[in-house]
Amino acid sequence: MKIKKDDTVQVIAGKDKGKKGKVLAVYPKTNKVVVEGVNIQTKHAKAKQSAPAEIRKQEGPVDVSNVMYYDSKAKAPTRIGYKVEDGKKKRISKKTGQVID
């Protein structure tokens, strides 16, 4: 999976198309990511002795094929490629050709 935690991504398909956000969690087994402020779902929490019942809004997982890495230098979504430098594999932006991390 080319998207990692703390990357900035843009949603390219679905109800939140066009939104940008930071990746909060990555689930490689199910091929999904959780993006800040995207795919907001309501969660009903049952009352407990320590806390009352509440309705919380939280982000749900989005399929990784529906998001694209957002390159802040190009100010546009871009694909990610790989390049080997000094024996280490590094991610590069296909638009600018610069190393991401």
N, C-alpha and C. Protein backbone atom coordinates (compact mmCIF):
# COMPACT_ATOMS: atom_id res chain seq x y z
N MET A 1 0.84 -1.17 0.00
CA MET A 1 0.00 0.00 0.00
C MET A 1 0.90 1.24 0.00
N LYS A 2 0.64 2.17 -0.91
CA LYS A 2 1.51 3.33 -1.08
C LYS A 2 1.16 4.48 -0.14
N ILE A 3 -0.05 4.50 0.39
CA ILE A 3 -0.47 5.54 1.33
C ILE A 3 -0.08 5.10 2.74
N LYS A 4 0.50 6.05 3.51
CA LYS A 4 0.93 5.75 4.87
C LYS A 4 0.26 6.71 5.84
N LYS A 5 0.35 6.38 7.13
CA LYS A 5 -0.20 7.23 8.18
C LYS A 5 0.48 8.60 8.14
N ASP A 6 -0.27 9.66 8.42
CA ASP A 6 0.17 11.05 8.44
C ASP A 6 0.39 11.65 7.05
N ASP A 7 0.08 10.92 5.97
CA ASP A 7 0.11 11.51 4.63
C ASP A 7 -1.12 12.40 4.46
N THR A 8 -1.01 13.41 3.62
CA THR A 8 -2.16 14.22 3.25
C THR A 8 -2.70 13.65 1.95
N VAL A 9 -4.00 13.35 1.95
CA VAL A 9 -4.61 12.75 0.77
C VAL A 9 -5.84 13.55 0.35
N GLN A 10 -6.25 13.37 -0.89
CA GLN A 10 -7.47 13.98 -1.41
C GLN A 10 -8.39 12.85 -1.87
N VAL A 11 -9.68 12.97 -1.54
CA VAL A 11 -10.65 11.96 -1.94
C VAL A 11 -10.99 12.20 -3.41
N ILE A 12 -10.91 11.15 -4.24
CA ILE A 12 -11.16 11.30 -5.67
C ILE A 12 -12.46 10.64 -6.13
N ALA A 13 -13.15 9.94 -5.20
CA ALA A 13 -14.42 9.30 -5.56
C ALA A 13 -15.28 9.15 -4.32
N GLY A 14 -16.59 9.18 -4.51
CA GLY A 14 -17.51 8.97 -3.40
C GLY A 14 -18.18 10.26 -2.96
N LYS A 15 -18.91 10.17 -1.84
CA LYS A 15 -19.70 11.32 -1.37
C LYS A 15 -18.86 12.49 -0.89
N ASP A 16 -17.62 12.25 -0.49
CA ASP A 16 -16.73 13.30 0.00
C ASP A 16 -15.68 13.70 -1.03
N LYS A 17 -15.98 13.51 -2.30
CA LYS A 17 -15.03 13.79 -3.38
C LYS A 17 -14.54 15.24 -3.30
N GLY A 18 -13.21 15.41 -3.40
CA GLY A 18 -12.61 16.73 -3.38
C GLY A 18 -12.07 17.15 -2.02
N LYS A 19 -12.48 16.47 -0.96
CA LYS A 19 -12.01 16.83 0.39
C LYS A 19 -10.58 16.36 0.58
N LYS A 20 -9.82 17.16 1.36
CA LYS A 20 -8.44 16.80 1.69
C LYS A 20 -8.36 16.56 3.19
N GLY A 21 -7.48 15.67 3.60
CA GLY A 21 -7.30 15.40 5.02
C GLY A 21 -6.08 14.55 5.28
N LYS A 22 -5.75 14.45 6.56
CA LYS A 22 -4.60 13.67 7.01
C LYS A 22 -5.04 12.24 7.29
N VAL A 23 -4.22 11.27 6.93
CA VAL A 23 -4.53 9.87 7.17
C VAL A 23 -4.29 9.58 8.65
N LEU A 24 -5.34 9.12 9.34
CA LEU A 24 -5.25 8.81 10.77
C LEU A 24 -4.88 7.36 11.02
N ALA A 25 -5.35 6.45 10.17
CA ALA A 25 -5.07 5.02 10.34
C ALA A 25 -5.05 4.34 8.98
N VAL A 26 -4.26 3.27 8.89
CA VAL A 26 -4.15 2.48 7.66
C VAL A 26 -4.42 1.02 8.00
N TYR A 27 -5.28 0.38 7.21
CA TYR A 27 -5.60 -1.04 7.40
C TYR A 27 -5.23 -1.81 6.13
N PRO A 28 -3.98 -2.31 6.03
CA PRO A 28 -3.54 -2.97 4.81
C PRO A 28 -4.29 -4.27 4.48
N LYS A 29 -4.74 -5.00 5.50
CA LYS A 29 -5.43 -6.28 5.24
C LYS A 29 -6.75 -6.05 4.51
N THR A 30 -7.47 -4.98 4.86
CA THR A 30 -8.76 -4.70 4.21
C THR A 30 -8.63 -3.63 3.13
N ASN A 31 -7.41 -3.11 2.92
CA ASN A 31 -7.14 -2.10 1.90
C ASN A 31 -7.93 -0.81 2.14
N LYS A 32 -7.99 -0.37 3.40
CA LYS A 32 -8.74 0.83 3.75
C LYS A 32 -7.89 1.80 4.56
N VAL A 33 -8.29 3.09 4.52
CA VAL A 33 -7.64 4.13 5.30
C VAL A 33 -8.71 4.98 5.98
N VAL A 34 -8.37 5.57 7.13
CA VAL A 34 -9.26 6.49 7.82
C VAL A 34 -8.65 7.88 7.64
N VAL A 35 -9.45 8.79 7.05
CA VAL A 35 -8.98 10.14 6.75
C VAL A 35 -9.74 11.14 7.62
N GLU A 36 -9.02 12.11 8.16
CA GLU A 36 -9.58 13.12 9.04
C GLU A 36 -10.65 13.95 8.31
N GLY A 37 -11.87 13.97 8.86
CA GLY A 37 -12.96 14.77 8.31
C GLY A 37 -13.67 14.17 7.11
N VAL A 38 -13.41 12.92 6.79
CA VAL A 38 -14.00 12.26 5.63
C VAL A 38 -14.80 11.04 6.08
N ASN A 39 -15.92 10.78 5.43
CA ASN A 39 -16.80 9.64 5.72
C ASN A 39 -17.24 9.66 7.19
N ILE A 40 -17.84 10.77 7.60
CA ILE A 40 -18.30 10.93 8.98
C ILE A 40 -19.52 10.04 9.22
N GLN A 41 -19.44 9.25 10.30
CA GLN A 41 -20.52 8.34 10.67
C GLN A 41 -20.96 8.64 12.09
N THR A 42 -22.24 8.35 12.40
CA THR A 42 -22.73 8.54 13.76
C THR A 42 -22.61 7.24 14.52
N LYS A 43 -22.15 7.34 15.76
CA LYS A 43 -21.97 6.16 16.61
C LYS A 43 -22.76 6.41 17.89
N HIS A 44 -23.67 5.51 18.20
CA HIS A 44 -24.47 5.62 19.41
C HIS A 44 -23.77 4.89 20.55
N ALA A 45 -23.41 5.63 21.59
CA ALA A 45 -22.72 5.05 22.74
C ALA A 45 -23.73 4.84 23.85
N LYS A 46 -23.76 3.66 24.39
CA LYS A 46 -24.68 3.30 25.47
C LYS A 46 -24.26 3.98 26.78
N ALA A 47 -25.21 4.27 27.64
CA ALA A 47 -24.91 4.90 28.92
C ALA A 47 -24.15 3.94 29.82
N LYS A 48 -23.19 4.49 30.54
CA LYS A 48 -22.43 3.73 31.52
C LYS A 48 -22.46 4.50 32.83
N GLN A 49 -21.95 3.91 33.88
CA GLN A 49 -21.92 4.61 35.16
C GLN A 49 -21.03 5.85 35.09
N SER A 50 -19.98 5.78 34.31
CA SER A 50 -19.03 6.89 34.24
C SER A 50 -19.43 7.95 33.21
N ALA A 51 -20.26 7.60 32.22
CA ALA A 51 -20.61 8.55 31.17
C ALA A 51 -22.06 8.35 30.72
N PRO A 52 -22.74 9.45 30.37
CA PRO A 52 -24.11 9.32 29.86
C PRO A 52 -24.14 8.82 28.42
N ALA A 53 -25.33 8.46 27.95
CA ALA A 53 -25.48 8.04 26.56
C ALA A 53 -25.22 9.23 25.65
N GLU A 54 -24.61 8.96 24.51
CA GLU A 54 -24.32 10.06 23.58
C GLU A 54 -24.29 9.55 22.15
N ILE A 55 -24.43 10.49 21.24
CA ILE A 55 -24.29 10.19 19.81
C ILE A 55 -23.02 10.90 19.36
N ARG A 56 -22.01 10.09 18.99
CA ARG A 56 -20.73 10.63 18.57
C ARG A 56 -20.60 10.59 17.05
N LYS A 57 -19.90 11.55 16.50
CA LYS A 57 -19.59 11.54 15.08
C LYS A 57 -18.11 11.19 14.94
N GLN A 58 -17.81 10.20 14.10
CA GLN A 58 -16.42 9.79 13.90
C GLN A 58 -16.19 9.39 12.45
N GLU A 59 -14.92 9.40 12.07
CA GLU A 59 -14.55 9.05 10.70
C GLU A 59 -14.62 7.54 10.49
N GLY A 60 -15.12 7.14 9.35
CA GLY A 60 -15.16 5.73 8.99
C GLY A 60 -14.08 5.44 7.95
N PRO A 61 -13.77 4.16 7.73
CA PRO A 61 -12.74 3.82 6.75
C PRO A 61 -13.21 4.05 5.31
N VAL A 62 -12.26 4.42 4.46
CA VAL A 62 -12.49 4.64 3.05
C VAL A 62 -11.55 3.73 2.29
N ASP A 63 -12.00 3.17 1.17
CA ASP A 63 -11.13 2.31 0.37
C ASP A 63 -9.96 3.13 -0.17
N VAL A 64 -8.78 2.55 -0.15
CA VAL A 64 -7.58 3.26 -0.55
C VAL A 64 -7.61 3.65 -2.03
N SER A 65 -8.41 2.96 -2.84
CA SER A 65 -8.51 3.31 -4.26
C SER A 65 -9.29 4.60 -4.47
N ASN A 66 -10.00 5.08 -3.45
CA ASN A 66 -10.78 6.31 -3.55
C ASN A 66 -10.03 7.53 -3.05
N VAL A 67 -8.78 7.37 -2.65
CA VAL A 67 -7.97 8.52 -2.21
C VAL A 67 -6.68 8.56 -3.01
N MET A 68 -6.10 9.76 -3.09
CA MET A 68 -4.86 9.96 -3.83
C MET A 68 -3.95 10.87 -3.01
N TYR A 69 -2.67 10.59 -3.00
CA TYR A 69 -1.71 11.40 -2.26
C TYR A 69 -1.77 12.84 -2.76
N TYR A 70 -1.82 13.81 -1.82
CA TYR A 70 -1.86 15.23 -2.18
C TYR A 70 -0.48 15.83 -2.04
N ASP A 71 0.09 16.29 -3.14
CA ASP A 71 1.42 16.88 -3.15
C ASP A 71 1.30 18.37 -2.87
N SER A 72 1.84 18.82 -1.74
CA SER A 72 1.71 20.22 -1.34
C SER A 72 2.53 21.15 -2.24
N LYS A 73 3.60 20.65 -2.83
CA LYS A 73 4.43 21.49 -3.71
C LYS A 73 3.73 21.72 -5.04
N ALA A 74 3.12 20.66 -5.59
CA ALA A 74 2.40 20.79 -6.86
C ALA A 74 0.98 21.30 -6.65
N LYS A 75 0.51 21.28 -5.40
CA LYS A 75 -0.85 21.67 -5.03
C LYS A 75 -1.90 20.91 -5.84
N ALA A 76 -1.65 19.61 -5.97
CA ALA A 76 -2.56 18.74 -6.72
C ALA A 76 -2.34 17.29 -6.28
N PRO A 77 -3.37 16.45 -6.46
CA PRO A 77 -3.18 15.03 -6.16
C PRO A 77 -2.23 14.40 -7.18
N THR A 78 -1.45 13.45 -6.71
CA THR A 78 -0.47 12.81 -7.59
C THR A 78 -0.34 11.33 -7.25
N ARG A 79 0.15 10.58 -8.21
CA ARG A 79 0.44 9.18 -7.96
C ARG A 79 1.79 9.06 -7.28
N ILE A 80 2.03 7.91 -6.68
CA ILE A 80 3.28 7.67 -5.97
C ILE A 80 4.05 6.58 -6.68
N GLY A 81 5.35 6.82 -6.85
CA GLY A 81 6.24 5.83 -7.43
C GLY A 81 7.35 5.50 -6.45
N TYR A 82 8.19 4.58 -6.82
CA TYR A 82 9.32 4.20 -5.96
C TYR A 82 10.63 4.37 -6.71
N LYS A 83 11.67 4.71 -5.96
CA LYS A 83 13.01 4.88 -6.52
C LYS A 83 14.00 4.37 -5.48
N VAL A 84 15.04 3.69 -5.92
CA VAL A 84 16.05 3.18 -5.01
C VAL A 84 17.23 4.16 -5.00
N GLU A 85 17.51 4.73 -3.83
CA GLU A 85 18.65 5.64 -3.66
C GLU A 85 19.50 5.14 -2.50
N ASP A 86 20.78 4.97 -2.73
CA ASP A 86 21.72 4.50 -1.71
C ASP A 86 21.28 3.18 -1.09
N GLY A 87 20.70 2.31 -1.89
CA GLY A 87 20.26 1.00 -1.41
C GLY A 87 18.97 1.04 -0.62
N LYS A 88 18.30 2.20 -0.54
CA LYS A 88 17.04 2.31 0.18
C LYS A 88 15.92 2.69 -0.78
N LYS A 89 14.77 2.04 -0.60
CA LYS A 89 13.61 2.30 -1.43
C LYS A 89 12.88 3.53 -0.90
N LYS A 90 12.65 4.52 -1.75
CA LYS A 90 12.00 5.76 -1.32
C LYS A 90 10.79 6.04 -2.20
N ARG A 91 9.78 6.65 -1.58
CA ARG A 91 8.58 7.04 -2.33
C ARG A 91 8.83 8.39 -3.02
N ILE A 92 8.39 8.50 -4.28
CA ILE A 92 8.53 9.77 -5.00
C ILE A 92 7.18 10.19 -5.57
N SER A 93 7.02 11.49 -5.74
CA SER A 93 5.82 12.05 -6.37
C SER A 93 6.00 11.94 -7.89
N LYS A 94 5.00 11.39 -8.58
CA LYS A 94 5.10 11.24 -10.03
C LYS A 94 5.01 12.59 -10.74
N LYS A 95 4.34 13.59 -10.11
CA LYS A 95 4.19 14.90 -10.73
C LYS A 95 5.47 15.73 -10.65
N THR A 96 6.07 15.78 -9.48
CA THR A 96 7.25 16.62 -9.29
C THR A 96 8.55 15.83 -9.34
N GLY A 97 8.50 14.54 -9.09
CA GLY A 97 9.70 13.71 -9.09
C GLY A 97 10.51 13.81 -7.81
N GLN A 98 9.99 14.53 -6.80
CA GLN A 98 10.72 14.70 -5.56
C GLN A 98 10.40 13.59 -4.58
N VAL A 99 11.36 13.32 -3.68
CA VAL A 99 11.18 12.30 -2.66
C VAL A 99 10.17 12.77 -1.62
N ILE A 100 9.23 11.90 -1.25
CA ILE A 100 8.17 12.25 -0.30
C ILE A 100 8.67 12.12 1.13
N ASP A 101 9.30 10.99 1.45
CA ASP A 101 9.77 10.81 2.83
C ASP A 101 11.20 10.34 2.91
